[in-house]
Amino acid sequence: MTNRISPTLVRRETDRSVCCAECGHELAQAGSSSHWKDLAVLKSEPVAELPGWSASVHPDLVLRQFVCNGCGQLLDSEIALSEDPFLYDVVDG
């Protein structure tokens, strides 16, 4: 049995691990020091190179896409400066 924690992630009740909602691939174990984003596939692109963005966008701004290692499902995305740490969501419960 699983509990949905986002549109793309579930938490298994048996071991409290975070898994892909699409394929069930385990992304991070409960109690682990690693966040699921640290273990997912990361695709990062400069925002200035994306279609539709102005040339005045800061050159260090990147679009980060976190993808399931098992099925390739897009799990989350964020826009941040390239040197910034990942934006970690906190799930309580």
PDB file of N, CA and C in Angstrom:
ATOM      1  N   MET A   1       0.841  -1.173   0.000  1.00  0.00           N
ATOM      2  CA  MET A   1       0.000   0.000   0.000  1.00  0.00           C
ATOM      3  C   MET A   1       0.893   1.246   0.000  1.00  0.00           C
ATOM      4  N   THR A   2       0.441   2.290  -0.680  1.00  0.00           N
ATOM      5  CA  THR A   2       1.220   3.520  -0.783  1.00  0.00           C
ATOM      6  C   THR A   2       0.364   4.735  -0.446  1.00  0.00           C
ATOM      7  N   ASN A   3       1.038   5.803  -0.059  1.00  0.00           N
ATOM      8  CA  ASN A   3       0.406   7.102   0.154  1.00  0.00           C
ATOM      9  C   ASN A   3       1.015   8.081  -0.829  1.00  0.00           C
ATOM     10  N   ARG A   4       0.173   8.805  -1.539  1.00  0.00           N
ATOM     11  CA  ARG A   4       0.672   9.781  -2.509  1.00  0.00           C
ATOM     12  C   ARG A   4       1.191  11.003  -1.754  1.00  0.00           C
ATOM     13  N   ILE A   5       2.424  11.423  -2.078  1.00  0.00           N
ATOM     14  CA  ILE A   5       2.991  12.606  -1.435  1.00  0.00           C
ATOM     15  C   ILE A   5       3.143  13.767  -2.423  1.00  0.00           C
ATOM     16  N   SER A   6       2.967  13.481  -3.708  1.00  0.00           N
ATOM     17  CA  SER A   6       2.942  14.510  -4.753  1.00  0.00           C
ATOM     18  C   SER A   6       2.300  13.852  -5.978  1.00  0.00           C
ATOM     19  N   PRO A   7       2.056  14.602  -7.021  1.00  0.00           N
ATOM     20  CA  PRO A   7       1.485  13.974  -8.223  1.00  0.00           C
ATOM     21  C   PRO A   7       2.376  12.885  -8.828  1.00  0.00           C
ATOM     22  N   THR A   8       3.676  12.910  -8.529  1.00  0.00           N
ATOM     23  CA  THR A   8       4.610  11.966  -9.156  1.00  0.00           C
ATOM     24  C   THR A   8       5.303  11.033  -8.179  1.00  0.00           C
ATOM     25  N   LEU A   9       5.085  11.220  -6.870  1.00  0.00           N
ATOM     26  CA  LEU A   9       5.776  10.424  -5.857  1.00  0.00           C
ATOM     27  C   LEU A   9       4.804   9.794  -4.874  1.00  0.00           C
ATOM     28  N   VAL A  10       5.166   8.589  -4.420  1.00  0.00           N
ATOM     29  CA  VAL A  10       4.398   7.900  -3.372  1.00  0.00           C
ATOM     30  C   VAL A  10       5.352   7.440  -2.281  1.00  0.00           C
ATOM     31  N   ARG A  11       4.799   7.210  -1.106  1.00  0.00           N
ATOM     32  CA  ARG A  11       5.577   6.649  -0.002  1.00  0.00           C
ATOM     33  C   ARG A  11       4.962   5.295   0.325  1.00  0.00           C
ATOM     34  N   ARG A  12       5.794   4.251   0.303  1.00  0.00           N
ATOM     35  CA  ARG A  12       5.321   2.905   0.657  1.00  0.00           C
ATOM     36  C   ARG A  12       5.106   2.841   2.159  1.00  0.00           C
ATOM     37  N   GLU A  13       3.983   2.281   2.565  1.00  0.00           N
ATOM     38  CA  GLU A  13       3.685   2.154   3.995  1.00  0.00           C
ATOM     39  C   GLU A  13       4.564   1.108   4.671  1.00  0.00           C
ATOM     40  N   THR A  14       4.961   0.078   3.934  1.00  0.00           N
ATOM     41  CA  THR A  14       5.722  -1.018   4.540  1.00  0.00           C
ATOM     42  C   THR A  14       7.092  -0.579   5.036  1.00  0.00           C
ATOM     43  N   ASP A  15       7.815   0.194   4.218  1.00  0.00           N
ATOM     44  CA  ASP A  15       9.167   0.598   4.619  1.00  0.00           C
ATOM     45  C   ASP A  15       9.388   2.106   4.558  1.00  0.00           C
ATOM     46  N   ARG A  16       8.342   2.866   4.233  1.00  0.00           N
ATOM     47  CA  ARG A  16       8.359   4.337   4.201  1.00  0.00           C
ATOM     48  C   ARG A  16       9.325   4.914   3.166  1.00  0.00           C
ATOM     49  N   SER A  17       9.683   4.128   2.157  1.00  0.00           N
ATOM     50  CA  SER A  17      10.570   4.630   1.108  1.00  0.00           C
ATOM     51  C   SER A  17       9.779   5.482   0.116  1.00  0.00           C
ATOM     52  N   VAL A  18      10.465   6.409  -0.531  1.00  0.00           N
ATOM     53  CA  VAL A  18       9.869   7.275  -1.541  1.00  0.00           C
ATOM     54  C   VAL A  18      10.070   6.615  -2.897  1.00  0.00           C
ATOM     55  N   CYS A  19       8.968   6.493  -3.651  1.00  0.00           N
ATOM     56  CA  CYS A  19       8.997   5.781  -4.929  1.00  0.00           C
ATOM     57  C   CYS A  19       8.308   6.595  -6.020  1.00  0.00           C
ATOM     58  N   CYS A  20       8.645   6.282  -7.255  1.00  0.00           N
ATOM     59  CA  CYS A  20       7.977   6.864  -8.414  1.00  0.00           C
ATOM     60  C   CYS A  20       6.531   6.362  -8.443  1.00  0.00           C
ATOM     61  N   ALA A  21       5.583   7.272  -8.600  1.00  0.00           N
ATOM     62  CA  ALA A  21       4.173   6.876  -8.655  1.00  0.00           C
ATOM     63  C   ALA A  21       3.844   6.131  -9.942  1.00  0.00           C
ATOM     64  N   GLU A  22       4.627   6.335 -10.992  1.00  0.00           N
ATOM     65  CA  GLU A  22       4.366   5.698 -12.281  1.00  0.00           C
ATOM     66  C   GLU A  22       4.791   4.235 -12.298  1.00  0.00           C
ATOM     67  N   CYS A  23       6.023   3.953 -11.883  1.00  0.00           N
ATOM     68  CA  CYS A  23       6.549   2.591 -12.020  1.00  0.00           C
ATOM     69  C   CYS A  23       6.874   1.909 -10.685  1.00  0.00           C
ATOM     70  N   GLY A  24       6.856   2.663  -9.584  1.00  0.00           N
ATOM     71  CA  GLY A  24       7.159   2.082  -8.278  1.00  0.00           C
ATOM     72  C   GLY A  24       8.640   1.991  -7.960  1.00  0.00           C
ATOM     73  N   HIS A  25       9.497   2.505  -8.820  1.00  0.00           N
ATOM     74  CA  HIS A  25      10.942   2.456  -8.576  1.00  0.00           C
ATOM     75  C   HIS A  25      11.273   3.205  -7.287  1.00  0.00           C
ATOM     76  N   GLU A  26      12.059   2.571  -6.425  1.00  0.00           N
ATOM     77  CA  GLU A  26      12.456   3.197  -5.159  1.00  0.00           C
ATOM     78  C   GLU A  26      13.504   4.265  -5.416  1.00  0.00           C
ATOM     79  N   LEU A  27      13.206   5.476  -4.948  1.00  0.00           N
ATOM     80  CA  LEU A  27      14.122   6.605  -5.134  1.00  0.00           C
ATOM     81  C   LEU A  27      14.944   6.879  -3.884  1.00  0.00           C
ATOM     82  N   ALA A  28      14.364   6.677  -2.710  1.00  0.00           N
ATOM     83  CA  ALA A  28      15.097   6.903  -1.455  1.00  0.00           C
ATOM     84  C   ALA A  28      14.423   6.129  -0.336  1.00  0.00           C
ATOM     85  N   GLN A  29      15.230   5.553   0.518  1.00  0.00           N
ATOM     86  CA  GLN A  29      14.708   4.822   1.666  1.00  0.00           C
ATOM     87  C   GLN A  29      14.428   5.779   2.811  1.00  0.00           C
ATOM     88  N   ALA A  30      13.399   5.482   3.584  1.00  0.00           N
ATOM     89  CA  ALA A  30      13.077   6.291   4.761  1.00  0.00           C
ATOM     90  C   ALA A  30      14.251   6.245   5.726  1.00  0.00           C
ATOM     91  N   GLY A  31      14.536   7.373   6.340  1.00  0.00           N
ATOM     92  CA  GLY A  31      15.627   7.438   7.296  1.00  0.00           C
ATOM     93  C   GLY A  31      16.994   7.595   6.662  1.00  0.00           C
ATOM     94  N   SER A  32      17.055   7.538   5.340  1.00  0.00           N
ATOM     95  CA  SER A  32      18.331   7.699   4.635  1.00  0.00           C
ATOM     96  C   SER A  32      18.762   9.161   4.697  1.00  0.00           C
ATOM     97  N   SER A  33      20.049   9.392   4.680  1.00  0.00           N
ATOM     98  CA  SER A  33      20.549  10.766   4.677  1.00  0.00           C
ATOM     99  C   SER A  33      20.431  11.394   3.289  1.00  0.00           C
ATOM    100  N   SER A  34      20.135  10.592   2.282  1.00  0.00           N
ATOM    101  CA  SER A  34      19.988  11.097   0.919  1.00  0.00           C
ATOM    102  C   SER A  34      18.536  11.454   0.634  1.00  0.00           C
ATOM    103  N   HIS A  35      18.329  12.591   0.019  1.00  0.00           N
ATOM    104  CA  HIS A  35      17.006  13.003  -0.436  1.00  0.00           C
ATOM    105  C   HIS A  35      16.775  12.351  -1.793  1.00  0.00           C
ATOM    106  N   TRP A  36      15.518  12.125  -2.153  1.00  0.00           N
ATOM    107  CA  TRP A  36      15.236  11.449  -3.420  1.00  0.00           C
ATOM    108  C   TRP A  36      15.797  12.232  -4.612  1.00  0.00           C
ATOM    109  N   LYS A  37      15.843  13.564  -4.528  1.00  0.00           N
ATOM    110  CA  LYS A  37      16.383  14.348  -5.643  1.00  0.00           C
ATOM    111  C   LYS A  37      17.861  14.050  -5.875  1.00  0.00           C
ATOM    112  N   ASP A  38      18.579  13.713  -4.811  1.00  0.00           N
ATOM    113  CA  ASP A  38      19.998  13.381  -4.945  1.00  0.00           C
ATOM    114  C   ASP A  38      20.208  12.074  -5.708  1.00  0.00           C
ATOM    115  N   LEU A  39      19.189  11.222  -5.741  1.00  0.00           N
ATOM    116  CA  LEU A  39      19.318   9.893  -6.334  1.00  0.00           C
ATOM    117  C   LEU A  39      18.618   9.761  -7.686  1.00  0.00           C
ATOM    118  N   ALA A  40      17.821  10.761  -8.053  1.00  0.00           N
ATOM    119  CA  ALA A  40      17.138  10.737  -9.351  1.00  0.00           C
ATOM    120  C   ALA A  40      18.102  11.182 -10.447  1.00  0.00           C
ATOM    121  N   VAL A  41      17.729  10.911 -11.690  1.00  0.00           N
ATOM    122  CA  VAL A  41      18.496  11.402 -12.830  1.00  0.00           C
ATOM    123  C   VAL A  41      18.253  12.905 -12.932  1.00  0.00           C
ATOM    124  N   LEU A  42      19.318  13.678 -13.088  1.00  0.00           N
ATOM    125  CA  LEU A  42      19.216  15.129 -13.180  1.00  0.00           C
ATOM    126  C   LEU A  42      19.539  15.601 -14.594  1.00  0.00           C
ATOM    127  N   LYS A  43      18.629  16.391 -15.148  1.00  0.00           N
ATOM    128  CA  LYS A  43      18.868  17.047 -16.425  1.00  0.00           C
ATOM    129  C   LYS A  43      18.845  18.545 -16.128  1.00  0.00           C
ATOM    130  N   SER A  44      19.884  19.263 -16.495  1.00  0.00           N
ATOM    131  CA  SER A  44      19.994  20.681 -16.198  1.00  0.00           C
ATOM    132  C   SER A  44      20.319  21.448 -17.475  1.00  0.00           C
ATOM    133  N   GLU A  45      19.555  22.519 -17.732  1.00  0.00           N
ATOM    134  CA  GLU A  45      19.766  23.332 -18.925  1.00  0.00           C
ATOM    135  C   GLU A  45      19.741  24.810 -18.556  1.00  0.00           C
ATOM    136  N   PRO A  46      20.599  25.619 -19.170  1.00  0.00           N
ATOM    137  CA  PRO A  46      20.532  27.059 -18.937  1.00  0.00           C
ATOM    138  C   PRO A  46      19.186  27.618 -19.415  1.00  0.00           C
ATOM    139  N   VAL A  47      18.537  28.395 -18.582  1.00  0.00           N
ATOM    140  CA  VAL A  47      17.226  28.951 -18.930  1.00  0.00           C
ATOM    141  C   VAL A  47      17.333  29.855 -20.151  1.00  0.00           C
ATOM    142  N   ALA A  48      18.407  30.590 -20.277  1.00  0.00           N
ATOM    143  CA  ALA A  48      18.579  31.515 -21.405  1.00  0.00           C
ATOM    144  C   ALA A  48      18.564  30.789 -22.751  1.00  0.00           C
ATOM    145  N   GLU A  49      18.865  29.481 -22.764  1.00  0.00           N
ATOM    146  CA  GLU A  49      18.891  28.725 -24.017  1.00  0.00           C
ATOM    147  C   GLU A  49      17.547  28.062 -24.336  1.00  0.00           C
ATOM    148  N   LEU A  50      16.577  28.167 -23.434  1.00  0.00           N
ATOM    149  CA  LEU A  50      15.276  27.550 -23.657  1.00  0.00           C
ATOM    150  C   LEU A  50      14.404  28.429 -24.551  1.00  0.00           C
ATOM    151  N   PRO A  51      13.569  27.828 -25.392  1.00  0.00           N
ATOM    152  CA  PRO A  51      12.700  28.623 -26.268  1.00  0.00           C
ATOM    153  C   PRO A  51      11.770  29.521 -25.446  1.00  0.00           C
ATOM    154  N   GLY A  52      11.599  30.747 -25.924  1.00  0.00           N
ATOM    155  CA  GLY A  52      10.654  31.659 -25.295  1.00  0.00           C
ATOM    156  C   GLY A  52      11.204  32.511 -24.172  1.00  0.00           C
ATOM    157  N   TRP A  53      12.441  32.263 -23.766  1.00  0.00           N
ATOM    158  CA  TRP A  53      13.021  33.059 -22.687  1.00  0.00           C
ATOM    159  C   TRP A  53      13.805  34.213 -23.275  1.00  0.00           C
ATOM    160  N   SER A  54      13.789  35.326 -22.588  1.00  0.00           N
ATOM    161  CA  SER A  54      14.472  36.540 -23.026  1.00  0.00           C
ATOM    162  C   SER A  54      15.985  36.380 -22.902  1.00  0.00           C
ATOM    163  N   ALA A  55      16.695  37.070 -23.752  1.00  0.00           N
ATOM    164  CA  ALA A  55      18.157  37.068 -23.680  1.00  0.00           C
ATOM    165  C   ALA A  55      18.649  37.792 -22.432  1.00  0.00           C
ATOM    166  N   SER A  56      17.766  38.508 -21.755  1.00  0.00           N
ATOM    167  CA  SER A  56      18.164  39.238 -20.553  1.00  0.00           C
ATOM    168  C   SER A  56      18.118  38.375 -19.288  1.00  0.00           C
ATOM    169  N   VAL A  57      17.764  37.099 -19.430  1.00  0.00           N
ATOM    170  CA  VAL A  57      17.750  36.187 -18.283  1.00  0.00           C
ATOM    171  C   VAL A  57      19.179  35.985 -17.789  1.00  0.00           C
ATOM    172  N   HIS A  58      19.336  35.935 -16.495  1.00  0.00           N
ATOM    173  CA  HIS A  58      20.672  35.747 -15.902  1.00  0.00           C
ATOM    174  C   HIS A  58      21.312  34.483 -16.476  1.00  0.00           C
ATOM    175  N   PRO A  59      22.561  34.542 -16.921  1.00  0.00           N
ATOM    176  CA  PRO A  59      23.196  33.388 -17.575  1.00  0.00           C
ATOM    177  C   PRO A  59      23.413  32.192 -16.646  1.00  0.00           C
ATOM    178  N   ASP A  60      23.395  32.386 -15.337  1.00  0.00           N
ATOM    179  CA  ASP A  60      23.590  31.273 -14.410  1.00  0.00           C
ATOM    180  C   ASP A  60      22.292  30.615 -13.971  1.00  0.00           C
ATOM    181  N   LEU A  61      21.160  31.073 -14.477  1.00  0.00           N
ATOM    182  CA  LEU A  61      19.868  30.483 -14.122  1.00  0.00           C
ATOM    183  C   LEU A  61      19.663  29.202 -14.918  1.00  0.00           C
ATOM    184  N   VAL A  62      19.323  28.106 -14.224  1.00  0.00           N
ATOM    185  CA  VAL A  62      19.143  26.806 -14.889  1.00  0.00           C
ATOM    186  C   VAL A  62      17.779  26.202 -14.564  1.00  0.00           C
ATOM    187  N   LEU A  63      17.287  25.414 -15.509  1.00  0.00           N
ATOM    188  CA  LEU A  63      16.110  24.585 -15.289  1.00  0.00           C
ATOM    189  C   LEU A  63      16.619  23.200 -14.934  1.00  0.00           C
ATOM    190  N   ARG A  64      16.262  22.725 -13.749  1.00  0.00           N
ATOM    191  CA  ARG A  64      16.642  21.375 -13.320  1.00  0.00           C
ATOM    192  C   ARG A  64      15.417  20.479 -13.432  1.00  0.00           C
ATOM    193  N   GLN A  65      15.589  19.339 -14.061  1.00  0.00           N
ATOM    194  CA  GLN A  65      14.516  18.357 -14.171  1.00  0.00           C
ATOM    195  C   GLN A  65      14.990  17.066 -13.522  1.00  0.00           C
ATOM    196  N   PHE A  66      14.188  16.552 -12.601  1.00  0.00           N
ATOM    197  CA  PHE A  66      14.495  15.321 -11.875  1.00  0.00           C
ATOM    198  C   PHE A  66      13.637  14.213 -12.460  1.00  0.00           C
ATOM    199  N   VAL A  67      14.300  13.148 -12.907  1.00  0.00           N
ATOM    200  CA  VAL A  67      13.658  12.090 -13.675  1.00  0.00           C
ATOM    201  C   VAL A  67      13.844  10.749 -12.967  1.00  0.00           C
ATOM    202  N   CYS A  68      12.814   9.902 -13.016  1.00  0.00           N
ATOM    203  CA  CYS A  68      12.878   8.561 -12.417  1.00  0.00           C
ATOM    204  C   CYS A  68      13.940   7.720 -13.115  1.00  0.00           C
ATOM    205  N   ASN A  69      14.773   7.055 -12.328  1.00  0.00           N
ATOM    206  CA  ASN A  69      15.810   6.166 -12.862  1.00  0.00           C
ATOM    207  C   ASN A  69      15.206   4.928 -13.508  1.00  0.00           C
ATOM    208  N   GLY A  70      13.986   4.570 -13.102  1.00  0.00           N
ATOM    209  CA  GLY A  70      13.371   3.346 -13.586  1.00  0.00           C
ATOM    210  C   GLY A  70      12.632   3.492 -14.905  1.00  0.00           C
ATOM    211  N   CYS A  71      11.821   4.570 -15.038  1.00  0.00           N
ATOM    212  CA  CYS A  71      10.953   4.671 -16.214  1.00  0.00           C
ATOM    213  C   CYS A  71      11.104   5.965 -17.002  1.00  0.00           C
ATOM    214  N   GLY A  72      11.862   6.929 -16.503  1.00  0.00           N
ATOM    215  CA  GLY A  72      12.060   8.178 -17.226  1.00  0.00           C
ATOM    216  C   GLY A  72      10.976   9.220 -16.989  1.00  0.00           C
ATOM    217  N   GLN A  73      10.056   8.950 -16.079  1.00  0.00           N
ATOM    218  CA  GLN A  73       8.989   9.901 -15.751  1.00  0.00           C
ATOM    219  C   GLN A  73       9.580  11.164 -15.126  1.00  0.00           C
ATOM    220  N   LEU A  74       9.107  12.341 -15.573  1.00  0.00           N
ATOM    221  CA  LEU A  74       9.514  13.594 -14.954  1.00  0.00           C
ATOM    222  C   LEU A  74       8.878  13.666 -13.570  1.00  0.00           C
ATOM    223  N   LEU A  75       9.709  13.799 -12.541  1.00  0.00           N
ATOM    224  CA  LEU A  75       9.233  13.790 -11.162  1.00  0.00           C
ATOM    225  C   LEU A  75       9.062  15.189 -10.590  1.00  0.00           C
ATOM    226  N   ASP A  76       9.942  16.088 -10.958  1.00  0.00           N
ATOM    227  CA  ASP A  76       9.890  17.446 -10.432  1.00  0.00           C
ATOM    228  C   ASP A  76      10.808  18.317 -11.273  1.00  0.00           C
ATOM    229  N   SER A  77      10.597  19.607 -11.191  1.00  0.00           N
ATOM    230  CA  SER A  77      11.479  20.556 -11.856  1.00  0.00           C
ATOM    231  C   SER A  77      11.583  21.806 -11.002  1.00  0.00           C
ATOM    232  N   GLU A  78      12.661  22.536 -11.207  1.00  0.00           N
ATOM    233  CA  GLU A  78      12.880  23.769 -10.465  1.00  0.00           C
ATOM    234  C   GLU A  78      13.784  24.678 -11.281  1.00  0.00           C
ATOM    235  N   ILE A  79      13.649  25.972 -11.060  1.00  0.00           N
ATOM    236  CA  ILE A  79      14.537  26.947 -11.677  1.00  0.00           C
ATOM    237  C   ILE A  79      15.336  27.574 -10.549  1.00  0.00           C
ATOM    238  N   ALA A  80      16.652  27.584 -10.701  1.00  0.00           N
ATOM    239  CA  ALA A  80      17.537  28.097  -9.651  1.00  0.00           C
ATOM    240  C   ALA A  80      18.845  28.551 -10.288  1.00  0.00           C
ATOM    241  N   LEU A  81      19.640  29.250  -9.508  1.00  0.00           N
ATOM    242  CA  LEU A  81      20.989  29.557  -9.955  1.00  0.00           C
ATOM    243  C   LEU A  81      21.800  28.263  -9.958  1.00  0.00           C
ATOM    244  N   SER A  82      22.709  28.124 -10.901  1.00  0.00           N
ATOM    245  CA  SER A  82      23.433  26.862 -11.059  1.00  0.00           C
ATOM    246  C   SER A  82      24.179  26.434  -9.806  1.00  0.00           C
ATOM    247  N   GLU A  83      24.660  27.366  -9.007  1.00  0.00           N
ATOM    248  CA  GLU A  83      25.409  27.008  -7.801  1.00  0.00           C
ATOM    249  C   GLU A  83      24.518  26.779  -6.577  1.00  0.00           C
ATOM    250  N   ASP A  84      23.231  27.050  -6.695  1.00  0.00           N
ATOM    251  CA  ASP A  84      22.321  26.861  -5.561  1.00  0.00           C
ATOM    252  C   ASP A  84      22.092  25.376  -5.281  1.00  0.00           C
ATOM    253  N   PRO A  85      21.885  25.018  -4.013  1.00  0.00           N
ATOM    254  CA  PRO A  85      21.543  23.625  -3.693  1.00  0.00           C
ATOM    255  C   PRO A  85      20.131  23.308  -4.206  1.00  0.00           C
ATOM    256  N   PHE A  86      19.835  22.034  -4.287  1.00  0.00           N
ATOM    257  CA  PHE A  86      18.494  21.618  -4.699  1.00  0.00           C
ATOM    258  C   PHE A  86      17.460  22.166  -3.713  1.00  0.00           C
ATOM    259  N   LEU A  87      16.260  22.424  -4.233  1.00  0.00           N
ATOM    260  CA  LEU A  87      15.155  22.858  -3.391  1.00  0.00           C
ATOM    261  C   LEU A  87      14.434  21.610  -2.889  1.00  0.00           C
ATOM    262  N   TYR A  88      14.647  21.274  -1.618  1.00  0.00           N
ATOM    263  CA  TYR A  88      14.071  20.058  -1.052  1.00  0.00           C
ATOM    264  C   TYR A  88      12.708  20.343  -0.442  1.00  0.00           C
ATOM    265  N   ASP A  89      11.721  19.574  -0.857  1.00  0.00           N
ATOM    266  CA  ASP A  89      10.409  19.622  -0.234  1.00  0.00           C
ATOM    267  C   ASP A  89      10.467  18.811   1.044  1.00  0.00           C
ATOM    268  N   VAL A  90       9.766  19.244   2.047  1.00  0.00           N
ATOM    269  CA  VAL A  90       9.707  18.504   3.304  1.00  0.00           C
ATOM    270  C   VAL A  90       8.329  17.883   3.401  1.00  0.00           C
ATOM    271  N   VAL A  91       8.310  16.556   3.569  1.00  0.00           N
ATOM    272  CA  VAL A  91       7.055  15.829   3.713  1.00  0.00           C
ATOM    273  C   VAL A  91       6.981  15.317   5.114  1.00  0.00           C
ATOM    274  N   ASP A  92       5.959  15.701   5.845  1.00  0.00           N
ATOM    275  CA  ASP A  92       5.801  15.287   7.233  1.00  0.00           C
ATOM    276  C   ASP A  92       4.758  14.189   7.304  1.00  0.00           C
ATOM    277  N   GLY A  93       5.071  13.152   8.047  1.00  0.00           N
ATOM    278  CA  GLY A  93       4.079  12.094   8.255  1.00  0.00           C
ATOM    279  C   GLY A  93       4.436  10.801   7.625  1.00  0.00           C
TER     280      GLY A  93
END
